[in-house]
Amino acid sequence: MRKPILSFLGGVLVLAAAAQAVMLMDGASRLRANAEPAELMAGCSDVPEAVALADTLRERALRIDRYMQEIERRKAEIAFAEKQLTGKLVELRKLKQQIDRNDRGQAQAQTEDIAQLIAVYDQMKPEQAAMVLSNLPPDFAAQILARVQPETGARIMASVEPGQAAVLTSYMGAIRARK
């Protein structure tokens, strides 16, 4: 007696599980609203509660459709914005590479200019170089002195007045400390 009941209950549970699986597979189409559920109202139009329930369900279904349309619209906006941002990012990366190339070119040109300037100071008489360096900003003069030949730099420093020489020496020390 128990065996047939258990078999029957097992069959009912299997059918219920199968029905749930079918509903889950067909979930998207079940969310779509039917503005006129004619089969729902067939034979029930004289029952006010059934009409009110049908109206409520119809309104909910329409609201869900509007929400789904809004979600799709927002997804499209996000995809469009993402595409634009990706394009801007690519453009910015190209600009950054171009700026980096320009910076490297300018740095190389400055290095070459400074090398030529240092060569000029190496060829000058120490007294003349000292007079010119005394009129330059101390940090720039110290950079030049730090790069000239050591013996040339020593002769130039000997020709600079002592107060200016102390300032230039401190700047040169700071330059060497940074390296």
N, C-alpha and C. Protein backbone atom coordinates (compact mmCIF):
# COMPACT_ATOMS: atom_id res chain seq x y z
N MET A 1 0.82 -1.19 0.00
CA MET A 1 0.00 0.00 0.00
C MET A 1 0.86 1.26 0.00
N ARG A 2 1.90 1.26 0.79
CA ARG A 2 2.76 2.42 0.85
C ARG A 2 3.52 2.62 -0.46
N LYS A 3 3.91 1.54 -1.10
CA LYS A 3 4.69 1.64 -2.31
C LYS A 3 3.95 2.37 -3.42
N PRO A 4 2.68 2.08 -3.70
CA PRO A 4 1.97 2.82 -4.75
C PRO A 4 1.82 4.31 -4.40
N ILE A 5 1.63 4.64 -3.16
CA ILE A 5 1.48 6.06 -2.76
C ILE A 5 2.79 6.79 -2.97
N LEU A 6 3.88 6.16 -2.58
CA LEU A 6 5.20 6.78 -2.78
C LEU A 6 5.50 6.96 -4.25
N SER A 7 5.13 5.98 -5.05
CA SER A 7 5.35 6.09 -6.50
C SER A 7 4.51 7.23 -7.07
N PHE A 8 3.28 7.32 -6.62
CA PHE A 8 2.39 8.39 -7.08
C PHE A 8 2.94 9.76 -6.69
N LEU A 9 3.35 9.93 -5.43
CA LEU A 9 3.91 11.20 -4.98
C LEU A 9 5.21 11.54 -5.72
N GLY A 10 6.04 10.54 -5.98
CA GLY A 10 7.26 10.76 -6.75
C GLY A 10 6.95 11.26 -8.14
N GLY A 11 5.94 10.67 -8.78
CA GLY A 11 5.53 11.10 -10.12
C GLY A 11 5.04 12.53 -10.12
N VAL A 12 4.25 12.89 -9.10
CA VAL A 12 3.74 14.26 -8.99
C VAL A 12 4.89 15.25 -8.83
N LEU A 13 5.87 14.91 -8.00
CA LEU A 13 7.02 15.80 -7.79
C LEU A 13 7.85 15.94 -9.07
N VAL A 14 8.02 14.87 -9.81
CA VAL A 14 8.76 14.93 -11.07
C VAL A 14 8.03 15.84 -12.06
N LEU A 15 6.70 15.71 -12.14
CA LEU A 15 5.93 16.57 -13.03
C LEU A 15 6.03 18.03 -12.62
N ALA A 16 5.97 18.29 -11.32
CA ALA A 16 6.09 19.67 -10.84
C ALA A 16 7.45 20.23 -11.17
N ALA A 17 8.49 19.44 -10.99
CA ALA A 17 9.84 19.89 -11.31
C ALA A 17 9.98 20.16 -12.81
N ALA A 18 9.41 19.32 -13.63
CA ALA A 18 9.46 19.50 -15.07
C ALA A 18 8.73 20.78 -15.48
N ALA A 19 7.60 21.04 -14.86
CA ALA A 19 6.84 22.25 -15.16
C ALA A 19 7.64 23.49 -14.77
N GLN A 20 8.32 23.45 -13.64
CA GLN A 20 9.16 24.58 -13.21
C GLN A 20 10.30 24.80 -14.20
N ALA A 21 10.89 23.72 -14.67
CA ALA A 21 11.99 23.83 -15.63
C ALA A 21 11.52 24.46 -16.92
N VAL A 22 10.34 24.07 -17.39
CA VAL A 22 9.79 24.65 -18.61
C VAL A 22 9.54 26.14 -18.41
N MET A 23 9.02 26.50 -17.25
CA MET A 23 8.74 27.91 -16.97
C MET A 23 10.03 28.71 -16.91
N LEU A 24 11.09 28.16 -16.36
CA LEU A 24 12.36 28.87 -16.29
C LEU A 24 12.98 29.05 -17.66
N MET A 25 12.86 28.04 -18.52
CA MET A 25 13.42 28.15 -19.86
C MET A 25 12.67 29.19 -20.67
N ASP A 26 11.40 29.34 -20.43
CA ASP A 26 10.57 30.26 -21.18
C ASP A 26 10.32 31.54 -20.39
N GLY A 27 11.24 31.89 -19.48
CA GLY A 27 11.03 33.01 -18.56
C GLY A 27 10.94 34.36 -19.24
N ALA A 28 11.77 34.62 -20.23
CA ALA A 28 11.76 35.93 -20.88
C ALA A 28 10.44 36.20 -21.57
N SER A 29 9.91 35.19 -22.26
CA SER A 29 8.64 35.42 -22.96
C SER A 29 7.49 35.52 -21.96
N ARG A 30 7.64 34.95 -20.78
CA ARG A 30 6.58 35.03 -19.78
C ARG A 30 6.51 36.43 -19.17
N LEU A 31 7.64 37.18 -19.24
CA LEU A 31 7.64 38.53 -18.68
C LEU A 31 7.00 39.55 -19.62
N ARG A 32 6.86 39.21 -20.85
CA ARG A 32 6.25 40.13 -21.80
C ARG A 32 4.76 40.28 -21.51
N ALA A 33 4.30 41.50 -21.66
CA ALA A 33 2.90 41.78 -21.33
C ALA A 33 2.00 41.53 -22.53
N ASN A 34 0.84 41.05 -22.23
CA ASN A 34 -0.23 40.94 -23.23
C ASN A 34 -1.27 41.96 -22.83
N ALA A 35 -1.41 42.98 -23.65
CA ALA A 35 -2.31 44.07 -23.31
C ALA A 35 -3.77 43.61 -23.25
N GLU A 36 -4.11 42.61 -24.00
CA GLU A 36 -5.48 42.10 -24.01
C GLU A 36 -5.47 40.61 -23.74
N PRO A 37 -5.43 40.19 -22.50
CA PRO A 37 -5.45 38.74 -22.21
C PRO A 37 -6.88 38.20 -22.36
N ALA A 38 -7.26 37.98 -23.57
CA ALA A 38 -8.64 37.57 -23.85
C ALA A 38 -8.99 36.26 -23.18
N GLU A 39 -8.08 35.30 -23.22
CA GLU A 39 -8.40 34.00 -22.63
C GLU A 39 -8.52 34.11 -21.11
N LEU A 40 -7.86 35.10 -20.52
CA LEU A 40 -7.96 35.29 -19.08
C LEU A 40 -9.37 35.76 -18.69
N MET A 41 -9.92 36.60 -19.50
CA MET A 41 -11.22 37.20 -19.17
C MET A 41 -12.41 36.40 -19.72
N ALA A 42 -12.17 35.40 -20.51
CA ALA A 42 -13.27 34.63 -21.11
C ALA A 42 -14.14 34.04 -20.01
N GLY A 43 -15.36 34.44 -19.97
CA GLY A 43 -16.32 33.91 -19.00
C GLY A 43 -16.23 34.57 -17.64
N CYS A 44 -15.36 35.54 -17.44
CA CYS A 44 -15.20 36.15 -16.12
C CYS A 44 -15.56 37.63 -16.11
N SER A 45 -16.07 38.14 -17.19
CA SER A 45 -16.31 39.58 -17.27
C SER A 45 -17.42 40.04 -16.33
N ASP A 46 -18.21 39.14 -15.82
CA ASP A 46 -19.28 39.53 -14.90
C ASP A 46 -18.85 39.49 -13.44
N VAL A 47 -17.59 39.07 -13.16
CA VAL A 47 -17.08 39.01 -11.78
C VAL A 47 -16.16 40.22 -11.59
N PRO A 48 -16.59 41.20 -10.76
CA PRO A 48 -15.79 42.42 -10.60
C PRO A 48 -14.38 42.17 -10.06
N GLU A 49 -14.26 41.19 -9.17
CA GLU A 49 -12.92 40.91 -8.63
C GLU A 49 -11.98 40.39 -9.71
N ALA A 50 -12.49 39.56 -10.60
CA ALA A 50 -11.69 39.01 -11.69
C ALA A 50 -11.30 40.11 -12.67
N VAL A 51 -12.23 41.03 -12.94
CA VAL A 51 -11.93 42.15 -13.84
C VAL A 51 -10.87 43.06 -13.22
N ALA A 52 -11.00 43.34 -11.92
CA ALA A 52 -10.02 44.19 -11.24
C ALA A 52 -8.64 43.51 -11.22
N LEU A 53 -8.63 42.21 -10.95
CA LEU A 53 -7.37 41.47 -10.93
C LEU A 53 -6.73 41.48 -12.33
N ALA A 54 -7.55 41.28 -13.35
CA ALA A 54 -7.04 41.28 -14.72
C ALA A 54 -6.47 42.65 -15.07
N ASP A 55 -7.15 43.71 -14.67
CA ASP A 55 -6.64 45.08 -14.91
C ASP A 55 -5.32 45.30 -14.19
N THR A 56 -5.24 44.88 -12.94
CA THR A 56 -4.02 45.03 -12.17
C THR A 56 -2.87 44.27 -12.83
N LEU A 57 -3.15 43.04 -13.25
CA LEU A 57 -2.12 42.24 -13.90
C LEU A 57 -1.68 42.87 -15.22
N ARG A 58 -2.64 43.39 -15.97
CA ARG A 58 -2.32 44.04 -17.24
C ARG A 58 -1.45 45.27 -17.01
N GLU A 59 -1.79 46.08 -16.00
CA GLU A 59 -1.00 47.27 -15.68
C GLU A 59 0.42 46.88 -15.26
N ARG A 60 0.53 45.84 -14.46
CA ARG A 60 1.86 45.38 -14.03
C ARG A 60 2.67 44.91 -15.23
N ALA A 61 2.01 44.17 -16.10
CA ALA A 61 2.71 43.65 -17.28
C ALA A 61 3.18 44.81 -18.17
N LEU A 62 2.33 45.82 -18.34
CA LEU A 62 2.73 46.98 -19.14
C LEU A 62 3.89 47.73 -18.48
N ARG A 63 3.82 47.84 -17.14
CA ARG A 63 4.90 48.50 -16.40
C ARG A 63 6.22 47.74 -16.56
N ILE A 64 6.14 46.42 -16.50
CA ILE A 64 7.33 45.59 -16.69
C ILE A 64 7.89 45.79 -18.09
N ASP A 65 7.01 45.85 -19.09
CA ASP A 65 7.47 46.10 -20.46
C ASP A 65 8.18 47.45 -20.57
N ARG A 66 7.61 48.48 -19.93
CA ARG A 66 8.25 49.80 -19.97
C ARG A 66 9.61 49.75 -19.28
N TYR A 67 9.69 49.06 -18.14
CA TYR A 67 10.96 48.93 -17.43
C TYR A 67 11.99 48.22 -18.30
N MET A 68 11.56 47.15 -18.96
CA MET A 68 12.47 46.41 -19.82
C MET A 68 12.94 47.28 -20.99
N GLN A 69 12.04 48.07 -21.56
CA GLN A 69 12.43 48.97 -22.65
C GLN A 69 13.41 50.03 -22.14
N GLU A 70 13.15 50.53 -20.95
CA GLU A 70 14.05 51.53 -20.35
C GLU A 70 15.42 50.92 -20.09
N ILE A 71 15.45 49.68 -19.62
CA ILE A 71 16.72 49.00 -19.38
C ILE A 71 17.47 48.83 -20.70
N GLU A 72 16.78 48.42 -21.74
CA GLU A 72 17.42 48.25 -23.05
C GLU A 72 17.95 49.59 -23.58
N ARG A 73 17.17 50.66 -23.37
CA ARG A 73 17.61 51.99 -23.81
C ARG A 73 18.88 52.39 -23.05
N ARG A 74 18.89 52.16 -21.76
CA ARG A 74 20.06 52.51 -20.95
C ARG A 74 21.27 51.66 -21.33
N LYS A 75 21.03 50.39 -21.61
CA LYS A 75 22.14 49.54 -22.05
C LYS A 75 22.74 50.08 -23.34
N ALA A 76 21.87 50.52 -24.25
CA ALA A 76 22.36 51.08 -25.52
C ALA A 76 23.15 52.37 -25.27
N GLU A 77 22.65 53.21 -24.36
CA GLU A 77 23.38 54.45 -24.02
C GLU A 77 24.74 54.14 -23.43
N ILE A 78 24.78 53.16 -22.53
CA ILE A 78 26.04 52.78 -21.90
C ILE A 78 27.02 52.23 -22.94
N ALA A 79 26.52 51.41 -23.84
CA ALA A 79 27.38 50.85 -24.89
C ALA A 79 27.92 51.97 -25.78
N PHE A 80 27.07 52.94 -26.11
CA PHE A 80 27.50 54.07 -26.93
C PHE A 80 28.55 54.90 -26.19
N ALA A 81 28.30 55.18 -24.92
CA ALA A 81 29.25 55.97 -24.12
C ALA A 81 30.57 55.22 -23.97
N GLU A 82 30.48 53.91 -23.77
CA GLU A 82 31.70 53.11 -23.64
C GLU A 82 32.51 53.16 -24.94
N LYS A 83 31.82 53.09 -26.06
CA LYS A 83 32.50 53.16 -27.36
C LYS A 83 33.18 54.52 -27.53
N GLN A 84 32.49 55.58 -27.16
CA GLN A 84 33.07 56.92 -27.25
C GLN A 84 34.28 57.05 -26.33
N LEU A 85 34.16 56.55 -25.10
CA LEU A 85 35.27 56.64 -24.15
C LEU A 85 36.48 55.84 -24.63
N THR A 86 36.22 54.69 -25.22
CA THR A 86 37.31 53.90 -25.76
C THR A 86 38.02 54.66 -26.88
N GLY A 87 37.25 55.30 -27.73
CA GLY A 87 37.84 56.11 -28.80
C GLY A 87 38.66 57.26 -28.25
N LYS A 88 38.13 57.92 -27.22
CA LYS A 88 38.86 59.03 -26.60
C LYS A 88 40.14 58.53 -25.94
N LEU A 89 40.06 57.36 -25.32
CA LEU A 89 41.24 56.79 -24.66
C LEU A 89 42.33 56.49 -25.68
N VAL A 90 41.95 55.93 -26.81
CA VAL A 90 42.92 55.66 -27.87
C VAL A 90 43.54 56.96 -28.36
N GLU A 91 42.71 57.97 -28.54
CA GLU A 91 43.19 59.28 -28.99
C GLU A 91 44.15 59.89 -27.97
N LEU A 92 43.80 59.81 -26.69
CA LEU A 92 44.66 60.35 -25.65
C LEU A 92 46.00 59.61 -25.58
N ARG A 93 45.96 58.31 -25.76
CA ARG A 93 47.22 57.54 -25.76
C ARG A 93 48.12 57.96 -26.91
N LYS A 94 47.52 58.19 -28.09
CA LYS A 94 48.31 58.65 -29.23
C LYS A 94 48.91 60.02 -28.94
N LEU A 95 48.11 60.92 -28.36
CA LEU A 95 48.62 62.25 -28.02
C LEU A 95 49.74 62.17 -27.00
N LYS A 96 49.59 61.28 -26.02
CA LYS A 96 50.63 61.12 -25.01
C LYS A 96 51.92 60.63 -25.64
N GLN A 97 51.82 59.67 -26.55
CA GLN A 97 53.02 59.19 -27.24
C GLN A 97 53.68 60.31 -28.04
N GLN A 98 52.86 61.13 -28.70
CA GLN A 98 53.40 62.25 -29.47
C GLN A 98 54.08 63.26 -28.55
N ILE A 99 53.45 63.54 -27.42
CA ILE A 99 54.05 64.48 -26.45
C ILE A 99 55.35 63.91 -25.91
N ASP A 100 55.37 62.61 -25.60
CA ASP A 100 56.60 61.98 -25.12
C ASP A 100 57.71 62.09 -26.15
N ARG A 101 57.37 61.85 -27.43
CA ARG A 101 58.39 61.98 -28.49
C ARG A 101 58.90 63.41 -28.56
N ASN A 102 57.97 64.38 -28.48
CA ASN A 102 58.38 65.79 -28.53
C ASN A 102 59.26 66.14 -27.33
N ASP A 103 58.89 65.64 -26.14
CA ASP A 103 59.68 65.92 -24.94
C ASP A 103 61.08 65.34 -25.06
N ARG A 104 61.17 64.11 -25.59
CA ARG A 104 62.49 63.50 -25.77
C ARG A 104 63.31 64.31 -26.75
N GLY A 105 62.67 64.77 -27.81
CA GLY A 105 63.37 65.59 -28.81
C GLY A 105 63.85 66.90 -28.21
N GLN A 106 62.99 67.53 -27.41
CA GLN A 106 63.39 68.80 -26.78
C GLN A 106 64.49 68.58 -25.77
N ALA A 107 64.39 67.51 -25.00
CA ALA A 107 65.43 67.22 -24.00
C ALA A 107 66.77 66.96 -24.69
N GLN A 108 66.73 66.25 -25.80
CA GLN A 108 67.95 65.98 -26.54
C GLN A 108 68.52 67.28 -27.10
N ALA A 109 67.65 68.13 -27.63
CA ALA A 109 68.12 69.42 -28.16
C ALA A 109 68.72 70.28 -27.06
N GLN A 110 68.08 70.29 -25.88
CA GLN A 110 68.62 71.07 -24.76
C GLN A 110 69.97 70.52 -24.32
N THR A 111 70.08 69.20 -24.30
CA THR A 111 71.35 68.58 -23.90
C THR A 111 72.44 68.97 -24.88
N GLU A 112 72.11 68.95 -26.17
CA GLU A 112 73.09 69.35 -27.18
C GLU A 112 73.45 70.82 -27.04
N ASP A 113 72.45 71.69 -26.78
CA ASP A 113 72.71 73.12 -26.60
C ASP A 113 73.61 73.36 -25.38
N ILE A 114 73.33 72.66 -24.31
CA ILE A 114 74.13 72.83 -23.09
C ILE A 114 75.55 72.33 -23.34
N ALA A 115 75.68 71.22 -24.08
CA ALA A 115 77.01 70.69 -24.40
C ALA A 115 77.82 71.72 -25.20
N GLN A 116 77.17 72.39 -26.15
CA GLN A 116 77.85 73.43 -26.92
C GLN A 116 78.23 74.61 -26.04
N LEU A 117 77.33 74.98 -25.15
CA LEU A 117 77.59 76.10 -24.24
C LEU A 117 78.77 75.78 -23.31
N ILE A 118 78.81 74.56 -22.83
CA ILE A 118 79.90 74.14 -21.95
C ILE A 118 81.22 74.16 -22.71
N ALA A 119 81.17 73.73 -23.97
CA ALA A 119 82.39 73.77 -24.80
C ALA A 119 82.88 75.21 -24.96
N VAL A 120 81.95 76.14 -25.09
CA VAL A 120 82.33 77.56 -25.20
C VAL A 120 83.01 78.02 -23.91
N TYR A 121 82.42 77.67 -22.75
CA TYR A 121 83.01 78.08 -21.47
C TYR A 121 84.37 77.41 -21.24
N ASP A 122 84.53 76.19 -21.75
CA ASP A 122 85.83 75.52 -21.64
C ASP A 122 86.92 76.28 -22.42
N GLN A 123 86.53 76.94 -23.51
CA GLN A 123 87.49 77.65 -24.36
C GLN A 123 87.75 79.08 -23.90
N MET A 124 86.86 79.62 -23.06
CA MET A 124 87.01 81.01 -22.62
C MET A 124 88.12 81.14 -21.59
N LYS A 125 88.62 82.35 -21.46
CA LYS A 125 89.58 82.65 -20.39
C LYS A 125 88.80 82.63 -19.08
N PRO A 126 89.40 82.14 -18.00
CA PRO A 126 88.70 82.03 -16.72
C PRO A 126 88.11 83.35 -16.22
N GLU A 127 88.79 84.45 -16.42
CA GLU A 127 88.28 85.74 -15.93
C GLU A 127 87.02 86.16 -16.69
N GLN A 128 87.06 85.94 -18.01
CA GLN A 128 85.88 86.28 -18.82
C GLN A 128 84.70 85.38 -18.45
N ALA A 129 84.95 84.09 -18.30
CA ALA A 129 83.89 83.15 -17.94
C ALA A 129 83.31 83.50 -16.57
N ALA A 130 84.18 83.91 -15.63
CA ALA A 130 83.73 84.28 -14.29
C ALA A 130 82.82 85.50 -14.34
N MET A 131 83.16 86.48 -15.18
CA MET A 131 82.32 87.69 -15.28
C MET A 131 80.94 87.33 -15.86
N VAL A 132 80.92 86.48 -16.87
CA VAL A 132 79.65 86.09 -17.48
C VAL A 132 78.82 85.26 -16.49
N LEU A 133 79.46 84.29 -15.83
CA LEU A 133 78.73 83.44 -14.89
C LEU A 133 78.20 84.23 -13.69
N SER A 134 78.87 85.29 -13.31
CA SER A 134 78.41 86.11 -12.18
C SER A 134 77.10 86.81 -12.50
N ASN A 135 76.83 87.01 -13.77
CA ASN A 135 75.59 87.69 -14.18
C ASN A 135 74.44 86.72 -14.48
N LEU A 136 74.73 85.42 -14.45
CA LEU A 136 73.69 84.42 -14.70
C LEU A 136 73.01 84.03 -13.39
N PRO A 137 71.79 83.48 -13.46
CA PRO A 137 71.17 82.95 -12.24
C PRO A 137 72.07 81.86 -11.64
N PRO A 138 72.19 81.82 -10.31
CA PRO A 138 73.15 80.91 -9.67
C PRO A 138 72.93 79.44 -10.01
N ASP A 139 71.66 79.01 -10.12
CA ASP A 139 71.43 77.59 -10.42
C ASP A 139 71.91 77.23 -11.82
N PHE A 140 71.70 78.11 -12.78
CA PHE A 140 72.15 77.86 -14.16
C PHE A 140 73.67 77.92 -14.25
N ALA A 141 74.27 78.91 -13.59
CA ALA A 141 75.73 79.03 -13.57
C ALA A 141 76.36 77.79 -12.93
N ALA A 142 75.75 77.28 -11.88
CA ALA A 142 76.27 76.08 -11.21
C ALA A 142 76.18 74.87 -12.12
N GLN A 143 75.12 74.77 -12.91
CA GLN A 143 75.01 73.65 -13.85
C GLN A 143 76.13 73.70 -14.88
N ILE A 144 76.43 74.89 -15.34
CA ILE A 144 77.52 75.03 -16.32
C ILE A 144 78.85 74.65 -15.67
N LEU A 145 79.11 75.20 -14.49
CA LEU A 145 80.38 74.91 -13.80
C LEU A 145 80.52 73.43 -13.47
N ALA A 146 79.42 72.76 -13.16
CA ALA A 146 79.47 71.34 -12.82
C ALA A 146 79.82 70.49 -14.04
N ARG A 147 79.62 71.03 -15.23
CA ARG A 147 79.83 70.24 -16.45
C ARG A 147 81.10 70.58 -17.21
N VAL A 148 81.72 71.71 -16.91
CA VAL A 148 82.97 72.03 -17.61
C VAL A 148 84.08 71.13 -17.09
N GLN A 149 85.20 71.14 -17.77
CA GLN A 149 86.36 70.36 -17.33
C GLN A 149 86.73 70.79 -15.92
N PRO A 150 87.08 69.85 -15.04
CA PRO A 150 87.36 70.20 -13.64
C PRO A 150 88.43 71.29 -13.47
N GLU A 151 89.50 71.24 -14.23
CA GLU A 151 90.54 72.27 -14.05
C GLU A 151 90.07 73.63 -14.55
N THR A 152 89.24 73.62 -15.62
CA THR A 152 88.67 74.88 -16.13
C THR A 152 87.71 75.45 -15.09
N GLY A 153 86.87 74.58 -14.52
CA GLY A 153 85.93 75.02 -13.49
C GLY A 153 86.65 75.59 -12.28
N ALA A 154 87.78 75.00 -11.90
CA ALA A 154 88.54 75.50 -10.75
C ALA A 154 89.12 76.88 -11.04
N ARG A 155 89.61 77.10 -12.25
CA ARG A 155 90.16 78.43 -12.59
C ARG A 155 89.06 79.48 -12.65
N ILE A 156 87.89 79.06 -13.15
CA ILE A 156 86.76 80.02 -13.21
C ILE A 156 86.33 80.37 -11.79
N MET A 157 86.21 79.37 -10.92
CA MET A 157 85.80 79.62 -9.52
C MET A 157 86.79 80.51 -8.80
N ALA A 158 88.06 80.38 -9.14
CA ALA A 158 89.09 81.22 -8.51
C ALA A 158 88.93 82.67 -8.94
N SER A 159 88.33 82.89 -10.11
CA SER A 159 88.16 84.25 -10.62
C SER A 159 86.85 84.90 -10.17
N VAL A 160 85.94 84.12 -9.59
CA VAL A 160 84.65 84.64 -9.12
C VAL A 160 84.85 85.20 -7.71
N GLU A 161 84.10 86.26 -7.38
CA GLU A 161 84.22 86.81 -6.02
C GLU A 161 83.82 85.75 -4.99
N PRO A 162 84.39 85.77 -3.79
CA PRO A 162 84.21 84.69 -2.80
C PRO A 162 82.75 84.42 -2.43
N GLY A 163 81.94 85.43 -2.25
CA GLY A 163 80.52 85.22 -1.89
C GLY A 163 79.77 84.49 -2.98
N GLN A 164 80.00 84.92 -4.22
CA GLN A 164 79.37 84.25 -5.37
C GLN A 164 79.90 82.82 -5.51
N ALA A 165 81.19 82.62 -5.25
CA ALA A 165 81.78 81.29 -5.35
C ALA A 165 81.14 80.34 -4.32
N ALA A 166 80.85 80.85 -3.12
CA ALA A 166 80.21 80.02 -2.10
C ALA A 166 78.80 79.61 -2.53
N VAL A 167 78.07 80.55 -3.10
CA VAL A 167 76.71 80.25 -3.58
C VAL A 167 76.77 79.22 -4.70
N LEU A 168 77.67 79.43 -5.65
CA LEU A 168 77.79 78.49 -6.77
C LEU A 168 78.21 77.10 -6.29
N THR A 169 79.09 77.05 -5.29
CA THR A 169 79.53 75.76 -4.75
C THR A 169 78.37 75.02 -4.10
N SER A 170 77.53 75.74 -3.37
CA SER A 170 76.37 75.07 -2.74
C SER A 170 75.40 74.55 -3.80
N TYR A 171 75.18 75.32 -4.85
CA TYR A 171 74.31 74.85 -5.93
C TYR A 171 74.92 73.64 -6.63
N MET A 172 76.24 73.65 -6.85
CA MET A 172 76.90 72.52 -7.49
C MET A 172 76.79 71.27 -6.62
N GLY A 173 76.90 71.44 -5.32
CA GLY A 173 76.74 70.30 -4.40
C GLY A 173 75.35 69.73 -4.48
N ALA A 174 74.36 70.60 -4.58
CA ALA A 174 72.97 70.13 -4.69
C ALA A 174 72.75 69.38 -6.00
N ILE A 175 73.38 69.86 -7.07
CA ILE A 175 73.25 69.18 -8.37
C ILE A 175 73.85 67.78 -8.31
N ARG A 176 75.03 67.68 -7.72
CA ARG A 176 75.69 66.36 -7.61
C ARG A 176 74.93 65.44 -6.68
N ALA A 177 74.31 66.00 -5.64
CA ALA A 177 73.53 65.16 -4.68
C ALA A 177 72.30 64.56 -5.36
N ARG A 178 71.72 65.31 -6.30
CA ARG A 178 70.54 64.80 -7.01
C ARG A 178 70.88 63.65 -7.95
N LYS A 179 72.11 63.64 -8.43
CA LYS A 179 72.52 62.58 -9.37
C LYS A 179 72.84 61.39 -8.57
